[in-house]
């Protein structure tokens, strides 16, 4: 019974992610991209990201965020 409950809870979390809106995915991707772009350009550190490349919103947001983060690093330095 305990295992069945654990599986059901896991399915709920997985299914919630499947219905994430484009805007929400874009925002998540933008945040990851911005951090990666800034940290990579400024040689600060490696950045852990979600890497949800199959999600169009995430990919679009990541690209935009990476550009903006990299640009911010160049402005700051």
N, C-alpha and C. Protein backbone atom coordinates (compact mmCIF):
# COMPACT_ATOMS: atom_id res chain seq x y z
N UNK A 1 0.81 -1.19 0.00
CA UNK A 1 0.00 0.00 0.00
C UNK A 1 0.86 1.26 0.00
N UNK A 2 1.95 1.22 0.76
CA UNK A 2 2.85 2.36 0.84
C UNK A 2 3.45 2.66 -0.53
N UNK A 3 3.81 1.60 -1.26
CA UNK A 3 4.42 1.78 -2.58
C UNK A 3 3.41 2.35 -3.57
N UNK A 4 2.18 1.92 -3.47
CA UNK A 4 1.14 2.42 -4.36
C UNK A 4 0.92 3.92 -4.15
N UNK A 5 0.90 4.34 -2.91
CA UNK A 5 0.74 5.76 -2.59
C UNK A 5 1.92 6.57 -3.13
N UNK A 6 3.12 6.05 -2.99
CA UNK A 6 4.31 6.73 -3.50
C UNK A 6 4.25 6.88 -5.01
N UNK A 7 3.81 5.86 -5.69
CA UNK A 7 3.70 5.90 -7.15
C UNK A 7 2.65 6.91 -7.58
N UNK A 8 1.53 6.96 -6.90
CA UNK A 8 0.48 7.92 -7.23
C UNK A 8 0.96 9.35 -7.04
N UNK A 9 1.67 9.61 -5.97
CA UNK A 9 2.19 10.95 -5.72
C UNK A 9 3.19 11.34 -6.80
N UNK A 10 4.05 10.41 -7.18
CA UNK A 10 5.02 10.66 -8.24
C UNK A 10 4.32 10.97 -9.56
N UNK A 11 3.28 10.24 -9.88
CA UNK A 11 2.53 10.48 -11.12
C UNK A 11 1.89 11.87 -11.13
N UNK A 12 1.42 12.31 -9.99
CA UNK A 12 0.82 13.64 -9.91
C UNK A 12 1.86 14.71 -10.23
N UNK A 13 3.04 14.58 -9.66
CA UNK A 13 4.10 15.56 -9.92
C UNK A 13 4.54 15.54 -11.36
N UNK A 14 4.68 14.38 -11.95
CA UNK A 14 5.11 14.26 -13.34
C UNK A 14 4.04 14.82 -14.27
N UNK A 15 2.79 14.55 -14.00
CA UNK A 15 1.72 15.02 -14.88
C UNK A 15 1.55 16.54 -14.78
N UNK A 16 1.84 17.12 -13.64
CA UNK A 16 1.73 18.57 -13.51
C UNK A 16 2.75 19.27 -14.41
N UNK A 17 3.94 18.72 -14.52
CA UNK A 17 4.98 19.30 -15.36
C UNK A 17 4.61 19.19 -16.83
N UNK A 18 3.88 18.18 -17.21
CA UNK A 18 3.52 17.97 -18.61
C UNK A 18 2.56 19.05 -19.11
N UNK A 19 1.83 19.70 -18.22
CA UNK A 19 0.86 20.69 -18.61
C UNK A 19 1.31 22.12 -18.32
N UNK A 20 2.61 22.30 -18.19
CA UNK A 20 3.16 23.62 -17.93
C UNK A 20 2.91 24.52 -19.14
N UNK A 21 2.51 25.75 -18.91
CA UNK A 21 2.21 26.67 -20.01
C UNK A 21 3.49 27.12 -20.70
N UNK A 22 3.32 27.65 -21.91
CA UNK A 22 4.46 28.15 -22.67
C UNK A 22 5.15 29.27 -21.89
N UNK A 23 4.36 30.19 -21.34
CA UNK A 23 4.93 31.33 -20.60
C UNK A 23 5.72 30.87 -19.38
N UNK A 24 5.19 29.91 -18.66
CA UNK A 24 5.87 29.39 -17.48
C UNK A 24 7.17 28.69 -17.88
N UNK A 25 7.13 27.91 -18.96
CA UNK A 25 8.32 27.24 -19.46
C UNK A 25 9.34 28.26 -19.94
N UNK A 26 8.85 29.30 -20.62
CA UNK A 26 9.73 30.35 -21.12
C UNK A 26 10.46 31.04 -19.95
N UNK A 27 9.71 31.36 -18.91
CA UNK A 27 10.30 32.02 -17.74
C UNK A 27 11.38 31.15 -17.09
N UNK A 28 11.10 29.87 -16.97
CA UNK A 28 12.05 28.93 -16.39
C UNK A 28 13.31 28.85 -17.26
N UNK A 29 13.11 28.77 -18.57
CA UNK A 29 14.23 28.73 -19.50
C UNK A 29 15.02 30.02 -19.50
N UNK A 30 14.32 31.14 -19.43
CA UNK A 30 14.99 32.44 -19.41
C UNK A 30 15.89 32.55 -18.18
N UNK A 31 15.36 32.16 -17.02
CA UNK A 31 16.16 32.23 -15.79
C UNK A 31 17.41 31.36 -15.89
N UNK A 32 17.25 30.13 -16.40
CA UNK A 32 18.39 29.24 -16.57
C UNK A 32 19.39 29.81 -17.58
N UNK A 33 18.88 30.32 -18.68
CA UNK A 33 19.75 30.88 -19.72
C UNK A 33 20.49 32.11 -19.24
N UNK A 34 19.80 32.97 -18.51
CA UNK A 34 20.43 34.19 -18.01
C UNK A 34 21.59 33.84 -17.08
N UNK A 35 21.33 32.93 -16.16
CA UNK A 35 22.38 32.52 -15.22
C UNK A 35 23.55 31.87 -15.96
N UNK A 36 23.26 31.01 -16.91
CA UNK A 36 24.32 30.36 -17.68
C UNK A 36 25.12 31.36 -18.50
N UNK A 37 24.42 32.26 -19.17
CA UNK A 37 25.09 33.27 -19.98
C UNK A 37 25.97 34.18 -19.16
N UNK A 38 25.47 34.64 -18.05
CA UNK A 38 26.23 35.54 -17.18
C UNK A 38 27.45 34.81 -16.61
N UNK A 39 27.21 33.64 -16.02
CA UNK A 39 28.29 32.90 -15.37
C UNK A 39 29.35 32.42 -16.36
N UNK A 40 28.95 31.99 -17.53
CA UNK A 40 29.90 31.52 -18.53
C UNK A 40 30.74 32.68 -19.07
N UNK A 41 30.08 33.77 -19.42
CA UNK A 41 30.79 34.92 -19.99
C UNK A 41 31.74 35.53 -18.98
N UNK A 42 31.33 35.61 -17.72
CA UNK A 42 32.18 36.19 -16.67
C UNK A 42 33.12 35.17 -16.04
N UNK A 43 33.11 33.93 -16.53
CA UNK A 43 33.95 32.85 -15.98
C UNK A 43 33.78 32.69 -14.48
N UNK A 44 32.54 32.71 -14.04
CA UNK A 44 32.26 32.61 -12.60
C UNK A 44 32.23 31.15 -12.14
N UNK A 45 31.34 30.37 -12.71
CA UNK A 45 31.21 28.97 -12.29
C UNK A 45 30.27 28.25 -13.25
N UNK A 46 30.24 26.95 -13.14
CA UNK A 46 29.28 26.17 -13.91
C UNK A 46 27.89 26.37 -13.31
N UNK A 47 26.87 26.28 -14.14
CA UNK A 47 25.50 26.52 -13.69
C UNK A 47 24.64 25.29 -13.97
N UNK A 48 23.95 24.82 -12.97
CA UNK A 48 23.03 23.70 -13.14
C UNK A 48 21.71 24.22 -13.70
N UNK A 49 21.23 23.59 -14.75
CA UNK A 49 19.99 24.01 -15.39
C UNK A 49 19.08 22.81 -15.57
N UNK A 50 17.81 23.08 -15.89
CA UNK A 50 16.85 22.00 -16.12
C UNK A 50 17.13 21.30 -17.46
N UNK A 51 17.49 22.05 -18.49
CA UNK A 51 17.82 21.47 -19.79
C UNK A 51 16.63 20.79 -20.46
N UNK A 52 15.47 21.37 -20.36
CA UNK A 52 14.25 20.80 -20.95
C UNK A 52 14.15 21.19 -22.43
N UNK A 53 15.08 20.69 -23.24
CA UNK A 53 15.22 21.12 -24.63
C UNK A 53 14.07 20.70 -25.53
N UNK A 54 13.27 19.73 -25.12
CA UNK A 54 12.11 19.31 -25.91
C UNK A 54 10.92 20.25 -25.74
N UNK A 55 11.03 21.19 -24.83
CA UNK A 55 9.96 22.14 -24.56
C UNK A 55 10.29 23.45 -25.29
N UNK A 56 9.43 23.84 -26.24
CA UNK A 56 9.68 25.04 -27.05
C UNK A 56 9.79 26.30 -26.20
N UNK A 57 8.93 26.44 -25.20
CA UNK A 57 8.97 27.62 -24.34
C UNK A 57 10.28 27.71 -23.59
N UNK A 58 10.72 26.58 -23.06
CA UNK A 58 11.98 26.55 -22.31
C UNK A 58 13.15 26.90 -23.23
N UNK A 59 13.19 26.30 -24.40
CA UNK A 59 14.30 26.54 -25.34
C UNK A 59 14.35 27.99 -25.80
N UNK A 60 13.19 28.55 -26.13
CA UNK A 60 13.14 29.96 -26.55
C UNK A 60 13.59 30.88 -25.42
N UNK A 61 13.10 30.63 -24.22
CA UNK A 61 13.48 31.43 -23.07
C UNK A 61 14.95 31.30 -22.74
N UNK A 62 15.48 30.09 -22.85
CA UNK A 62 16.90 29.87 -22.57
C UNK A 62 17.78 30.69 -23.52
N UNK A 63 17.45 30.64 -24.80
CA UNK A 63 18.24 31.39 -25.79
C UNK A 63 18.21 32.89 -25.50
N UNK A 64 17.02 33.42 -25.23
CA UNK A 64 16.89 34.85 -24.92
C UNK A 64 17.63 35.20 -23.63
N UNK A 65 17.47 34.37 -22.63
CA UNK A 65 18.11 34.61 -21.34
C UNK A 65 19.63 34.53 -21.43
N UNK A 66 20.13 33.57 -22.20
CA UNK A 66 21.58 33.43 -22.35
C UNK A 66 22.17 34.69 -22.99
N UNK A 67 21.50 35.18 -24.01
CA UNK A 67 21.96 36.40 -24.68
C UNK A 67 21.98 37.58 -23.71
N UNK A 68 20.87 37.75 -22.97
CA UNK A 68 20.78 38.87 -22.03
C UNK A 68 21.78 38.73 -20.88
N UNK A 69 21.96 37.52 -20.37
CA UNK A 69 22.92 37.31 -19.28
C UNK A 69 24.35 37.59 -19.72
N UNK A 70 24.69 37.14 -20.91
CA UNK A 70 26.02 37.38 -21.44
C UNK A 70 26.25 38.88 -21.66
N UNK A 71 25.23 39.55 -22.18
CA UNK A 71 25.30 40.99 -22.40
C UNK A 71 25.47 41.74 -21.07
N UNK A 72 24.74 41.32 -20.04
CA UNK A 72 24.86 41.95 -18.72
C UNK A 72 26.26 41.79 -18.14
N UNK A 73 26.86 40.63 -18.34
CA UNK A 73 28.22 40.42 -17.85
C UNK A 73 29.18 41.39 -18.52
N UNK A 74 29.06 41.55 -19.82
CA UNK A 74 29.96 42.45 -20.55
C UNK A 74 29.75 43.90 -20.12
N UNK A 75 28.52 44.28 -19.79
CA UNK A 75 28.25 45.64 -19.31
C UNK A 75 28.82 45.85 -17.91
N UNK A 76 28.67 44.84 -17.05
CA UNK A 76 29.14 44.94 -15.66
C UNK A 76 30.65 45.01 -15.57
N UNK A 77 31.33 44.43 -16.54
CA UNK A 77 32.81 44.36 -16.45
C UNK A 77 33.44 45.31 -17.38
